[in-house]
């Protein structure tokens, strides 16, 4: 089973814009649904907080504190598909920042639930 870290948009989740938090990401990972190619275990869920400066260090901290080297890192669908988009960094930019910090490929999106 793949070990996954998910990074979600804290502002989006906290504001209740249709995503109460990680339940949709957790469901998709558990079922191997959406962007997941197989049933996967989420070992950390990192909430990005505006303006996003701490997200890469927080992902690094999650890896260090759990002692689990993730197989993959995902930018949540709420972050990857946000309309309007993040005023601080695009999902692609955020993925690149996290990749530079961790050396892991970051995938955009987790699910296609509405």
PDB file of N, CA and C in Angstrom:
ATOM      1  N   UNK A   1       0.847  -1.179   0.000  1.00  0.00           N
ATOM      2  CA  UNK A   1       0.000   0.000   0.000  1.00  0.00           C
ATOM      3  C   UNK A   1       0.891   1.241   0.000  1.00  0.00           C
ATOM      4  N   UNK A   2       0.581   2.174  -0.914  1.00  0.00           N
ATOM      5  CA  UNK A   2       1.365   3.402  -0.991  1.00  0.00           C
ATOM      6  C   UNK A   2       1.113   4.275   0.222  1.00  0.00           C
ATOM      7  N   UNK A   3       2.165   4.953   0.652  1.00  0.00           N
ATOM      8  CA  UNK A   3       2.084   5.915   1.749  1.00  0.00           C
ATOM      9  C   UNK A   3       2.047   7.313   1.130  1.00  0.00           C
ATOM     10  N   UNK A   4       1.060   8.089   1.539  1.00  0.00           N
ATOM     11  CA  UNK A   4       0.754   9.356   0.891  1.00  0.00           C
ATOM     12  C   UNK A   4       0.746  10.499   1.905  1.00  0.00           C
ATOM     13  N   UNK A   5       1.237  11.661   1.467  1.00  0.00           N
ATOM     14  CA  UNK A   5       1.004  12.911   2.184  1.00  0.00           C
ATOM     15  C   UNK A   5       0.111  13.762   1.289  1.00  0.00           C
ATOM     16  N   UNK A   6      -0.913  14.370   1.882  1.00  0.00           N
ATOM     17  CA  UNK A   6      -1.802  15.270   1.161  1.00  0.00           C
ATOM     18  C   UNK A   6      -1.612  16.673   1.726  1.00  0.00           C
ATOM     19  N   UNK A   7      -1.528  17.646   0.831  1.00  0.00           N
ATOM     20  CA  UNK A   7      -1.461  19.054   1.216  1.00  0.00           C
ATOM     21  C   UNK A   7      -2.756  19.702   0.763  1.00  0.00           C
ATOM     22  N   UNK A   8      -3.498  20.275   1.713  1.00  0.00           N
ATOM     23  CA  UNK A   8      -4.776  20.901   1.405  1.00  0.00           C
ATOM     24  C   UNK A   8      -4.767  22.383   1.698  1.00  0.00           C
ATOM     25  N   UNK A   9      -5.682  23.109   1.093  1.00  0.00           N
ATOM     26  CA  UNK A   9      -5.819  24.546   1.283  1.00  0.00           C
ATOM     27  C   UNK A   9      -6.594  24.820   2.564  1.00  0.00           C
ATOM     28  N   UNK A  10      -5.905  25.345   3.558  1.00  0.00           N
ATOM     29  CA  UNK A  10      -6.532  25.639   4.840  1.00  0.00           C
ATOM     30  C   UNK A  10      -7.637  26.674   4.733  1.00  0.00           C
ATOM     31  N   UNK A  11      -7.429  27.720   3.936  1.00  0.00           N
ATOM     32  CA  UNK A  11      -8.446  28.764   3.795  1.00  0.00           C
ATOM     33  C   UNK A  11      -9.717  28.192   3.181  1.00  0.00           C
ATOM     34  N   UNK A  12      -9.568  27.337   2.191  1.00  0.00           N
ATOM     35  CA  UNK A  12     -10.717  26.728   1.528  1.00  0.00           C
ATOM     36  C   UNK A  12     -11.467  25.814   2.495  1.00  0.00           C
ATOM     37  N   UNK A  13     -10.721  24.964   3.194  1.00  0.00           N
ATOM     38  CA  UNK A  13     -11.364  24.029   4.122  1.00  0.00           C
ATOM     39  C   UNK A  13     -12.023  24.752   5.280  1.00  0.00           C
ATOM     40  N   UNK A  14     -11.339  25.734   5.844  1.00  0.00           N
ATOM     41  CA  UNK A  14     -11.871  26.438   7.011  1.00  0.00           C
ATOM     42  C   UNK A  14     -13.073  27.317   6.682  1.00  0.00           C
ATOM     43  N   UNK A  15     -13.199  27.725   5.415  1.00  0.00           N
ATOM     44  CA  UNK A  15     -14.295  28.601   5.019  1.00  0.00           C
ATOM     45  C   UNK A  15     -15.554  27.841   4.624  1.00  0.00           C
ATOM     46  N   UNK A  16     -15.450  26.515   4.510  1.00  0.00           N
ATOM     47  CA  UNK A  16     -16.615  25.694   4.209  1.00  0.00           C
ATOM     48  C   UNK A  16     -17.127  25.812   2.787  1.00  0.00           C
ATOM     49  N   UNK A  17     -16.232  26.029   1.824  1.00  0.00           N
ATOM     50  CA  UNK A  17     -16.642  26.151   0.427  1.00  0.00           C
ATOM     51  C   UNK A  17     -16.869  24.792  -0.213  1.00  0.00           C
ATOM     52  N   UNK A  18     -17.646  23.949   0.416  1.00  0.00           N
ATOM     53  CA  UNK A  18     -17.982  22.662  -0.172  1.00  0.00           C
ATOM     54  C   UNK A  18     -17.054  21.536   0.235  1.00  0.00           C
ATOM     55  N   UNK A  19     -15.961  21.841   0.912  1.00  0.00           N
ATOM     56  CA  UNK A  19     -15.023  20.809   1.370  1.00  0.00           C
ATOM     57  C   UNK A  19     -14.795  20.995   2.862  1.00  0.00           C
ATOM     58  N   UNK A  20     -15.352  20.135   3.671  1.00  0.00           N
ATOM     59  CA  UNK A  20     -15.197  20.288   5.109  1.00  0.00           C
ATOM     60  C   UNK A  20     -13.815  19.889   5.617  1.00  0.00           C
ATOM     61  N   UNK A  21     -12.943  19.536   4.728  1.00  0.00           N
ATOM     62  CA  UNK A  21     -11.617  19.110   5.142  1.00  0.00           C
ATOM     63  C   UNK A  21     -11.212  17.883   4.384  1.00  0.00           C
ATOM     64  N   UNK A  22     -10.536  17.026   5.074  1.00  0.00           N
ATOM     65  CA  UNK A  22      -9.883  15.934   4.376  1.00  0.00           C
ATOM     66  C   UNK A  22     -10.745  14.715   4.068  1.00  0.00           C
ATOM     67  N   UNK A  23     -12.015  14.688   4.395  1.00  0.00           N
ATOM     68  CA  UNK A  23     -12.785  13.444   4.201  1.00  0.00           C
ATOM     69  C   UNK A  23     -12.826  12.979   2.760  1.00  0.00           C
ATOM     70  N   UNK A  24     -12.926  13.882   1.796  1.00  0.00           N
ATOM     71  CA  UNK A  24     -12.968  13.457   0.395  1.00  0.00           C
ATOM     72  C   UNK A  24     -11.622  12.889  -0.048  1.00  0.00           C
ATOM     73  N   UNK A  25     -10.556  13.526   0.391  1.00  0.00           N
ATOM     74  CA  UNK A  25      -9.209  13.016   0.075  1.00  0.00           C
ATOM     75  C   UNK A  25      -8.986  11.655   0.736  1.00  0.00           C
ATOM     76  N   UNK A  26      -9.420  11.525   1.988  1.00  0.00           N
ATOM     77  CA  UNK A  26      -9.255  10.253   2.702  1.00  0.00           C
ATOM     78  C   UNK A  26     -10.034   9.145   2.012  1.00  0.00           C
ATOM     79  N   UNK A  27     -11.272   9.444   1.597  1.00  0.00           N
ATOM     80  CA  UNK A  27     -12.099   8.449   0.922  1.00  0.00           C
ATOM     81  C   UNK A  27     -11.457   8.009  -0.392  1.00  0.00           C
ATOM     82  N   UNK A  28     -11.028   8.967  -1.206  1.00  0.00           N
ATOM     83  CA  UNK A  28     -10.417   8.635  -2.497  1.00  0.00           C
ATOM     84  C   UNK A  28      -9.169   7.787  -2.314  1.00  0.00           C
ATOM     85  N   UNK A  29      -8.346   8.142  -1.340  1.00  0.00           N
ATOM     86  CA  UNK A  29      -7.121   7.364  -1.092  1.00  0.00           C
ATOM     87  C   UNK A  29      -7.461   5.950  -0.637  1.00  0.00           C
ATOM     88  N   UNK A  30      -8.398   5.827   0.288  1.00  0.00           N
ATOM     89  CA  UNK A  30      -8.755   4.508   0.822  1.00  0.00           C
ATOM     90  C   UNK A  30      -9.319   3.585  -0.253  1.00  0.00           C
ATOM     91  N   UNK A  31     -10.063   4.161  -1.197  1.00  0.00           N
ATOM     92  CA  UNK A  31     -10.692   3.360  -2.244  1.00  0.00           C
ATOM     93  C   UNK A  31      -9.845   3.235  -3.504  1.00  0.00           C
ATOM     94  N   UNK A  32      -8.738   3.975  -3.569  1.00  0.00           N
ATOM     95  CA  UNK A  32      -7.951   4.003  -4.796  1.00  0.00           C
ATOM     96  C   UNK A  32      -8.729   4.676  -5.907  1.00  0.00           C
ATOM     97  N   UNK A  33      -9.495   5.688  -5.539  1.00  0.00           N
ATOM     98  CA  UNK A  33     -10.397   6.391  -6.443  1.00  0.00           C
ATOM     99  C   UNK A  33      -9.769   7.721  -6.870  1.00  0.00           C
ATOM    100  N   UNK A  34     -10.400   8.404  -7.811  1.00  0.00           N
ATOM    101  CA  UNK A  34      -9.925   9.713  -8.237  1.00  0.00           C
ATOM    102  C   UNK A  34      -8.530   9.644  -8.819  1.00  0.00           C
ATOM    103  N   UNK A  35      -7.632  10.434  -8.279  1.00  0.00           N
ATOM    104  CA  UNK A  35      -6.264  10.511  -8.790  1.00  0.00           C
ATOM    105  C   UNK A  35      -5.354   9.409  -8.256  1.00  0.00           C
ATOM    106  N   UNK A  36      -5.856   8.602  -7.331  1.00  0.00           N
ATOM    107  CA  UNK A  36      -5.055   7.517  -6.753  1.00  0.00           C
ATOM    108  C   UNK A  36      -5.160   6.270  -7.634  1.00  0.00           C
ATOM    109  N   UNK A  37      -4.040   5.660  -7.929  1.00  0.00           N
ATOM    110  CA  UNK A  37      -4.022   4.482  -8.806  1.00  0.00           C
ATOM    111  C   UNK A  37      -4.285   3.190  -8.050  1.00  0.00           C
ATOM    112  N   UNK A  38      -4.256   3.258  -6.727  1.00  0.00           N
ATOM    113  CA  UNK A  38      -4.524   2.083  -5.895  1.00  0.00           C
ATOM    114  C   UNK A  38      -4.913   2.564  -4.502  1.00  0.00           C
ATOM    115  N   UNK A  39      -5.487   1.670  -3.709  1.00  0.00           N
ATOM    116  CA  UNK A  39      -5.798   2.020  -2.329  1.00  0.00           C
ATOM    117  C   UNK A  39      -4.508   2.451  -1.647  1.00  0.00           C
ATOM    118  N   UNK A  40      -4.571   3.585  -0.943  1.00  0.00           N
ATOM    119  CA  UNK A  40      -3.378   4.173  -0.355  1.00  0.00           C
ATOM    120  C   UNK A  40      -3.641   4.617   1.065  1.00  0.00           C
ATOM    121  N   UNK A  41      -2.575   4.715   1.838  1.00  0.00           N
ATOM    122  CA  UNK A  41      -2.664   5.147   3.232  1.00  0.00           C
ATOM    123  C   UNK A  41      -2.140   6.573   3.338  1.00  0.00           C
ATOM    124  N   UNK A  42      -2.989   7.477   3.830  1.00  0.00           N
ATOM    125  CA  UNK A  42      -2.526   8.842   4.064  1.00  0.00           C
ATOM    126  C   UNK A  42      -1.825   8.863   5.415  1.00  0.00           C
ATOM    127  N   UNK A  43      -0.534   9.175   5.384  1.00  0.00           N
ATOM    128  CA  UNK A  43       0.271   9.168   6.613  1.00  0.00           C
ATOM    129  C   UNK A  43       0.388  10.560   7.216  1.00  0.00           C
ATOM    130  N   UNK A  44       0.046  11.599   6.432  1.00  0.00           N
ATOM    131  CA  UNK A  44       0.034  12.971   6.946  1.00  0.00           C
ATOM    132  C   UNK A  44      -0.872  13.813   6.061  1.00  0.00           C
ATOM    133  N   UNK A  45      -1.569  14.744   6.695  1.00  0.00           N
ATOM    134  CA  UNK A  45      -2.392  15.708   5.978  1.00  0.00           C
ATOM    135  C   UNK A  45      -1.924  17.079   6.437  1.00  0.00           C
ATOM    136  N   UNK A  46      -1.283  17.813   5.551  1.00  0.00           N
ATOM    137  CA  UNK A  46      -0.708  19.111   5.890  1.00  0.00           C
ATOM    138  C   UNK A  46      -1.625  20.199   5.349  1.00  0.00           C
ATOM    139  N   UNK A  47      -2.038  21.087   6.216  1.00  0.00           N
ATOM    140  CA  UNK A  47      -2.923  22.173   5.834  1.00  0.00           C
ATOM    141  C   UNK A  47      -2.069  23.398   5.517  1.00  0.00           C
ATOM    142  N   UNK A  48      -2.179  23.878   4.281  1.00  0.00           N
ATOM    143  CA  UNK A  48      -1.480  25.092   3.878  1.00  0.00           C
ATOM    144  C   UNK A  48      -2.215  26.281   4.483  1.00  0.00           C
ATOM    145  N   UNK A  49      -1.484  27.205   5.044  1.00  0.00           N
ATOM    146  CA  UNK A  49      -2.078  28.421   5.593  1.00  0.00           C
ATOM    147  C   UNK A  49      -1.495  29.619   4.873  1.00  0.00           C
ATOM    148  N   UNK A  50      -2.345  30.556   4.514  1.00  0.00           N
ATOM    149  CA  UNK A  50      -1.906  31.748   3.790  1.00  0.00           C
ATOM    150  C   UNK A  50      -0.811  32.477   4.578  1.00  0.00           C
ATOM    151  N   UNK A  51       0.225  32.913   3.900  1.00  0.00           N
ATOM    152  CA  UNK A  51       0.445  32.934   2.464  1.00  0.00           C
ATOM    153  C   UNK A  51       1.201  31.721   1.934  1.00  0.00           C
ATOM    154  N   UNK A  52       1.316  30.664   2.690  1.00  0.00           N
ATOM    155  CA  UNK A  52       1.896  29.419   2.192  1.00  0.00           C
ATOM    156  C   UNK A  52       3.380  29.236   2.456  1.00  0.00           C
ATOM    157  N   UNK A  53       4.003  30.192   3.135  1.00  0.00           N
ATOM    158  CA  UNK A  53       5.452  30.093   3.383  1.00  0.00           C
ATOM    159  C   UNK A  53       5.854  28.856   4.161  1.00  0.00           C
ATOM    160  N   UNK A  54       4.983  28.372   5.021  1.00  0.00           N
ATOM    161  CA  UNK A  54       5.356  27.266   5.903  1.00  0.00           C
ATOM    162  C   UNK A  54       5.000  25.888   5.356  1.00  0.00           C
ATOM    163  N   UNK A  55       4.341  25.809   4.207  1.00  0.00           N
ATOM    164  CA  UNK A  55       3.858  24.506   3.750  1.00  0.00           C
ATOM    165  C   UNK A  55       5.002  23.539   3.453  1.00  0.00           C
ATOM    166  N   UNK A  56       6.038  23.962   2.757  1.00  0.00           N
ATOM    167  CA  UNK A  56       7.139  23.038   2.451  1.00  0.00           C
ATOM    168  C   UNK A  56       7.869  22.600   3.723  1.00  0.00           C
ATOM    169  N   UNK A  57       8.200  23.531   4.631  1.00  0.00           N
ATOM    170  CA  UNK A  57       8.800  23.070   5.885  1.00  0.00           C
ATOM    171  C   UNK A  57       7.876  22.158   6.686  1.00  0.00           C
ATOM    172  N   UNK A  58       6.558  22.407   6.633  1.00  0.00           N
ATOM    173  CA  UNK A  58       5.622  21.556   7.357  1.00  0.00           C
ATOM    174  C   UNK A  58       5.531  20.161   6.751  1.00  0.00           C
ATOM    175  N   UNK A  59       5.638  20.052   5.436  1.00  0.00           N
ATOM    176  CA  UNK A  59       5.675  18.739   4.799  1.00  0.00           C
ATOM    177  C   UNK A  59       6.951  18.018   5.233  1.00  0.00           C
ATOM    178  N   UNK A  60       8.077  18.726   5.228  1.00  0.00           N
ATOM    179  CA  UNK A  60       9.335  18.140   5.701  1.00  0.00           C
ATOM    180  C   UNK A  60       9.248  17.696   7.146  1.00  0.00           C
ATOM    181  N   UNK A  61       8.585  18.509   7.968  1.00  0.00           N
ATOM    182  CA  UNK A  61       8.396  18.161   9.380  1.00  0.00           C
ATOM    183  C   UNK A  61       7.512  16.922   9.519  1.00  0.00           C
ATOM    184  N   UNK A  62       6.474  16.818   8.698  1.00  0.00           N
ATOM    185  CA  UNK A  62       5.590  15.650   8.753  1.00  0.00           C
ATOM    186  C   UNK A  62       6.374  14.378   8.430  1.00  0.00           C
ATOM    187  N   UNK A  63       7.251  14.466   7.447  1.00  0.00           N
ATOM    188  CA  UNK A  63       8.073  13.297   7.101  1.00  0.00           C
ATOM    189  C   UNK A  63       8.998  12.947   8.256  1.00  0.00           C
ATOM    190  N   UNK A  64       9.633  13.950   8.822  1.00  0.00           N
ATOM    191  CA  UNK A  64      10.563  13.722   9.930  1.00  0.00           C
ATOM    192  C   UNK A  64       9.843  13.196  11.176  1.00  0.00           C
ATOM    193  N   UNK A  65       8.729  13.818  11.526  1.00  0.00           N
ATOM    194  CA  UNK A  65       8.034  13.456  12.768  1.00  0.00           C
ATOM    195  C   UNK A  65       7.346  12.092  12.687  1.00  0.00           C
ATOM    196  N   UNK A  66       6.830  11.737  11.512  1.00  0.00           N
ATOM    197  CA  UNK A  66       6.193  10.426  11.393  1.00  0.00           C
ATOM    198  C   UNK A  66       7.229   9.326  11.239  1.00  0.00           C
ATOM    199  N   UNK A  67       8.404   9.690  10.717  1.00  0.00           N
ATOM    200  CA  UNK A  67       9.417   8.681  10.438  1.00  0.00           C
ATOM    201  C   UNK A  67       9.035   7.810   9.254  1.00  0.00           C
ATOM    202  N   UNK A  68       8.073   8.295   8.457  1.00  0.00           N
ATOM    203  CA  UNK A  68       7.586   7.539   7.305  1.00  0.00           C
ATOM    204  C   UNK A  68       7.947   8.312   6.039  1.00  0.00           C
ATOM    205  N   UNK A  69       8.672   7.653   5.164  1.00  0.00           N
ATOM    206  CA  UNK A  69       9.029   8.248   3.884  1.00  0.00           C
ATOM    207  C   UNK A  69       7.875   8.011   2.913  1.00  0.00           C
ATOM    208  N   UNK A  70       7.162   9.056   2.507  1.00  0.00           N
ATOM    209  CA  UNK A  70       5.998   8.838   1.646  1.00  0.00           C
ATOM    210  C   UNK A  70       6.406   8.396   0.247  1.00  0.00           C
ATOM    211  N   UNK A  71       5.546   7.597  -0.349  1.00  0.00           N
ATOM    212  CA  UNK A  71       5.751   7.212  -1.740  1.00  0.00           C
ATOM    213  C   UNK A  71       5.365   8.349  -2.679  1.00  0.00           C
ATOM    214  N   UNK A  72       4.335   9.091  -2.303  1.00  0.00           N
ATOM    215  CA  UNK A  72       3.841  10.180  -3.127  1.00  0.00           C
ATOM    216  C   UNK A  72       3.301  11.305  -2.254  1.00  0.00           C
ATOM    217  N   UNK A  73       3.303  12.513  -2.819  1.00  0.00           N
ATOM    218  CA  UNK A  73       2.709  13.680  -2.179  1.00  0.00           C
ATOM    219  C   UNK A  73       1.690  14.245  -3.168  1.00  0.00           C
ATOM    220  N   UNK A  74       0.525  14.607  -2.662  1.00  0.00           N
ATOM    221  CA  UNK A  74      -0.539  15.146  -3.494  1.00  0.00           C
ATOM    222  C   UNK A  74      -0.950  16.531  -3.004  1.00  0.00           C
ATOM    223  N   UNK A  75      -1.174  17.431  -3.956  1.00  0.00           N
ATOM    224  CA  UNK A  75      -1.855  18.689  -3.667  1.00  0.00           C
ATOM    225  C   UNK A  75      -3.340  18.353  -3.781  1.00  0.00           C
ATOM    226  N   UNK A  76      -4.113  18.634  -2.733  1.00  0.00           N
ATOM    227  CA  UNK A  76      -5.531  18.260  -2.726  1.00  0.00           C
ATOM    228  C   UNK A  76      -6.284  18.919  -3.871  1.00  0.00           C
ATOM    229  N   UNK A  77      -7.411  18.330  -4.213  1.00  0.00           N
ATOM    230  CA  UNK A  77      -8.238  18.884  -5.277  1.00  0.00           C
ATOM    231  C   UNK A  77      -8.707  20.288  -4.944  1.00  0.00           C
ATOM    232  N   UNK A  78      -8.996  20.578  -3.664  1.00  0.00           N
ATOM    233  CA  UNK A  78      -9.457  21.920  -3.300  1.00  0.00           C
ATOM    234  C   UNK A  78      -8.366  22.954  -3.550  1.00  0.00           C
ATOM    235  N   UNK A  79      -7.131  22.545  -3.487  1.00  0.00           N
ATOM    236  CA  UNK A  79      -6.015  23.456  -3.724  1.00  0.00           C
ATOM    237  C   UNK A  79      -5.659  23.502  -5.213  1.00  0.00           C
ATOM    238  N   UNK A  80      -5.682  22.360  -5.855  1.00  0.00           N
ATOM    239  CA  UNK A  80      -5.295  22.283  -7.268  1.00  0.00           C
ATOM    240  C   UNK A  80      -6.328  22.910  -8.198  1.00  0.00           C
ATOM    241  N   UNK A  81      -7.597  22.864  -7.803  1.00  0.00           N
ATOM    242  CA  UNK A  81      -8.671  23.317  -8.683  1.00  0.00           C
ATOM    243  C   UNK A  81      -9.408  24.545  -8.163  1.00  0.00           C
ATOM    244  N   UNK A  82      -8.843  25.243  -7.205  1.00  0.00           N
ATOM    245  CA  UNK A  82      -9.527  26.369  -6.565  1.00  0.00           C
ATOM    246  C   UNK A  82      -9.864  27.466  -7.575  1.00  0.00           C
ATOM    247  N   UNK A  83     -11.076  27.970  -7.460  1.00  0.00           N
ATOM    248  CA  UNK A  83     -11.534  29.110  -8.260  1.00  0.00           C
ATOM    249  C   UNK A  83     -12.166  30.104  -7.312  1.00  0.00           C
ATOM    250  N   UNK A  84     -11.657  31.267  -7.119  1.00  0.00           N
ATOM    251  CA  UNK A  84     -10.415  31.758  -7.718  1.00  0.00           C
ATOM    252  C   UNK A  84      -9.214  31.035  -7.128  1.00  0.00           C
ATOM    253  N   UNK A  85      -8.138  31.052  -7.857  1.00  0.00           N
ATOM    254  CA  UNK A  85      -6.911  30.394  -7.424  1.00  0.00           C
ATOM    255  C   UNK A  85      -6.246  31.124  -6.267  1.00  0.00           C
ATOM    256  N   UNK A  86      -5.266  30.501  -5.707  1.00  0.00           N
ATOM    257  CA  UNK A  86      -4.502  31.086  -4.608  1.00  0.00           C
ATOM    258  C   UNK A  86      -3.808  32.366  -5.089  1.00  0.00           C
ATOM    259  N   UNK A  87      -3.914  33.455  -4.320  1.00  0.00           N
ATOM    260  CA  UNK A  87      -3.257  34.693  -4.741  1.00  0.00           C
ATOM    261  C   UNK A  87      -1.744  34.675  -4.490  1.00  0.00           C
ATOM    262  N   UNK A  88      -1.252  33.668  -3.791  1.00  0.00           N
ATOM    263  CA  UNK A  88       0.161  33.624  -3.419  1.00  0.00           C
ATOM    264  C   UNK A  88       0.997  32.706  -4.291  1.00  0.00           C
ATOM    265  N   UNK A  89       0.439  31.580  -4.717  1.00  0.00           N
ATOM    266  CA  UNK A  89       1.183  30.629  -5.555  1.00  0.00           C
ATOM    267  C   UNK A  89       0.191  29.714  -6.261  1.00  0.00           C
ATOM    268  N   UNK A  90       0.468  29.398  -7.508  1.00  0.00           N
ATOM    269  CA  UNK A  90      -0.378  28.441  -8.220  1.00  0.00           C
ATOM    270  C   UNK A  90      -0.099  27.047  -7.672  1.00  0.00           C
ATOM    271  N   UNK A  91      -0.986  26.122  -7.985  1.00  0.00           N
ATOM    272  CA  UNK A  91      -0.778  24.734  -7.546  1.00  0.00           C
ATOM    273  C   UNK A  91       0.522  24.186  -8.118  1.00  0.00           C
ATOM    274  N   UNK A  92       0.830  24.534  -9.370  1.00  0.00           N
ATOM    275  CA  UNK A  92       2.083  24.090  -9.977  1.00  0.00           C
ATOM    276  C   UNK A  92       3.291  24.654  -9.240  1.00  0.00           C
ATOM    277  N   UNK A  93       3.227  25.936  -8.869  1.00  0.00           N
ATOM    278  CA  UNK A  93       4.330  26.556  -8.123  1.00  0.00           C
ATOM    279  C   UNK A  93       4.492  25.906  -6.752  1.00  0.00           C
ATOM    280  N   UNK A  94       3.360  25.659  -6.078  1.00  0.00           N
ATOM    281  CA  UNK A  94       3.419  25.033  -4.759  1.00  0.00           C
ATOM    282  C   UNK A  94       3.990  23.623  -4.862  1.00  0.00           C
ATOM    283  N   UNK A  95       3.584  22.892  -5.891  1.00  0.00           N
ATOM    284  CA  UNK A  95       4.116  21.543  -6.099  1.00  0.00           C
ATOM    285  C   UNK A  95       5.624  21.598  -6.290  1.00  0.00           C
ATOM    286  N   UNK A  96       6.108  22.572  -7.064  1.00  0.00           N
ATOM    287  CA  UNK A  96       7.548  22.691  -7.308  1.00  0.00           C
ATOM    288  C   UNK A  96       8.298  23.016  -6.025  1.00  0.00           C
ATOM    289  N   UNK A  97       7.732  23.881  -5.206  1.00  0.00           N
ATOM    290  CA  UNK A  97       8.361  24.234  -3.920  1.00  0.00           C
ATOM    291  C   UNK A  97       8.477  22.988  -3.043  1.00  0.00           C
ATOM    292  N   UNK A  98       7.409  22.202  -2.974  1.00  0.00           N
ATOM    293  CA  UNK A  98       7.420  20.987  -2.151  1.00  0.00           C
ATOM    294  C   UNK A  98       8.381  19.953  -2.729  1.00  0.00           C
ATOM    295  N   UNK A  99       8.394  19.804  -4.045  1.00  0.00           N
ATOM    296  CA  UNK A  99       9.336  18.877  -4.683  1.00  0.00           C
ATOM    297  C   UNK A  99      10.777  19.271  -4.370  1.00  0.00           C
ATOM    298  N   UNK A 100      11.074  20.565  -4.438  1.00  0.00           N
ATOM    299  CA  UNK A 100      12.427  21.032  -4.133  1.00  0.00           C
ATOM    300  C   UNK A 100      12.819  20.728  -2.692  1.00  0.00           C
ATOM    301  N   UNK A 101      11.863  20.826  -1.783  1.00  0.00           N
ATOM    302  CA  UNK A 101      12.121  20.570  -0.359  1.00  0.00           C
ATOM    303  C   UNK A 101      12.293  19.080  -0.072  1.00  0.00           C
ATOM    304  N   UNK A 102      11.466  18.249  -0.704  1.00  0.00           N
ATOM    305  CA  UNK A 102      11.416  16.826  -0.332  1.00  0.00           C
ATOM    306  C   UNK A 102      12.114  15.888  -1.309  1.00  0.00           C
ATOM    307  N   UNK A 103      12.292  16.335  -2.532  1.00  0.00           N
ATOM    308  CA  UNK A 103      12.829  15.446  -3.563  1.00  0.00           C
ATOM    309  C   UNK A 103      11.797  14.457  -4.081  1.00  0.00           C
ATOM    310  N   UNK A 104      10.549  14.626  -3.689  1.00  0.00           N
ATOM    311  CA  UNK A 104       9.453  13.745  -4.112  1.00  0.00           C
ATOM    312  C   UNK A 104       8.615  14.431  -5.176  1.00  0.00           C
ATOM    313  N   UNK A 105       8.156  13.661  -6.153  1.00  0.00           N
ATOM    314  CA  UNK A 105       7.238  14.180  -7.167  1.00  0.00           C
ATOM    315  C   UNK A 105       5.898  14.482  -6.502  1.00  0.00           C
ATOM    316  N   UNK A 106       5.347  15.644  -6.811  1.00  0.00           N
ATOM    317  CA  UNK A 106       4.068  16.055  -6.245  1.00  0.00           C
ATOM    318  C   UNK A 106       3.015  15.999  -7.344  1.00  0.00           C
ATOM    319  N   UNK A 107       1.891  15.349  -7.044  1.00  0.00           N
ATOM    320  CA  UNK A 107       0.794  15.208  -8.000  1.00  0.00           C
ATOM    321  C   UNK A 107      -0.299  16.215  -7.669  1.00  0.00           C
ATOM    322  N   UNK A 108      -0.968  16.693  -8.703  1.00  0.00           N
ATOM    323  CA  UNK A 108      -2.026  17.680  -8.529  1.00  0.00           C
ATOM    324  C   UNK A 108      -3.393  17.020  -8.520  1.00  0.00           C
ATOM    325  N   UNK A 109      -4.132  17.233  -7.447  1.00  0.00           N
ATOM    326  CA  UNK A 109      -5.484  16.696  -7.312  1.00  0.00           C
ATOM    327  C   UNK A 109      -5.513  15.364  -6.596  1.00  0.00           C
ATOM    328  N   UNK A 110      -6.627  15.116  -5.914  1.00  0.00           N
ATOM    329  CA  UNK A 110      -6.794  13.867  -5.173  1.00  0.00           C
ATOM    330  C   UNK A 110      -8.063  13.135  -5.592  1.00  0.00           C
ATOM    331  N   UNK A 111      -9.124  13.869  -5.875  1.00  0.00           N
ATOM    332  CA  UNK A 111     -10.417  13.246  -6.174  1.00  0.00           C
ATOM    333  C   UNK A 111     -11.185  14.083  -7.163  1.00  0.00           C
ATOM    334  N   UNK A 112     -12.300  13.525  -7.620  1.00  0.00           N
ATOM    335  CA  UNK A 112     -13.184  14.255  -8.540  1.00  0.00           C
ATOM    336  C   UNK A 112     -14.607  14.312  -7.998  1.00  0.00           C
ATOM    337  N   UNK A 113     -14.728  14.196  -6.671  1.00  0.00           N
ATOM    338  CA  UNK A 113     -16.053  14.274  -6.041  1.00  0.00           C
ATOM    339  C   UNK A 113     -16.539  15.723  -6.063  1.00  0.00           C
ATOM    340  N   UNK A 114     -17.848  15.885  -6.105  1.00  0.00           N
ATOM    341  CA  UNK A 114     -18.431  17.246  -6.085  1.00  0.00           C
ATOM    342  C   UNK A 114     -19.218  17.453  -4.829  1.00  0.00           C
TER     343      UNK A 114
END
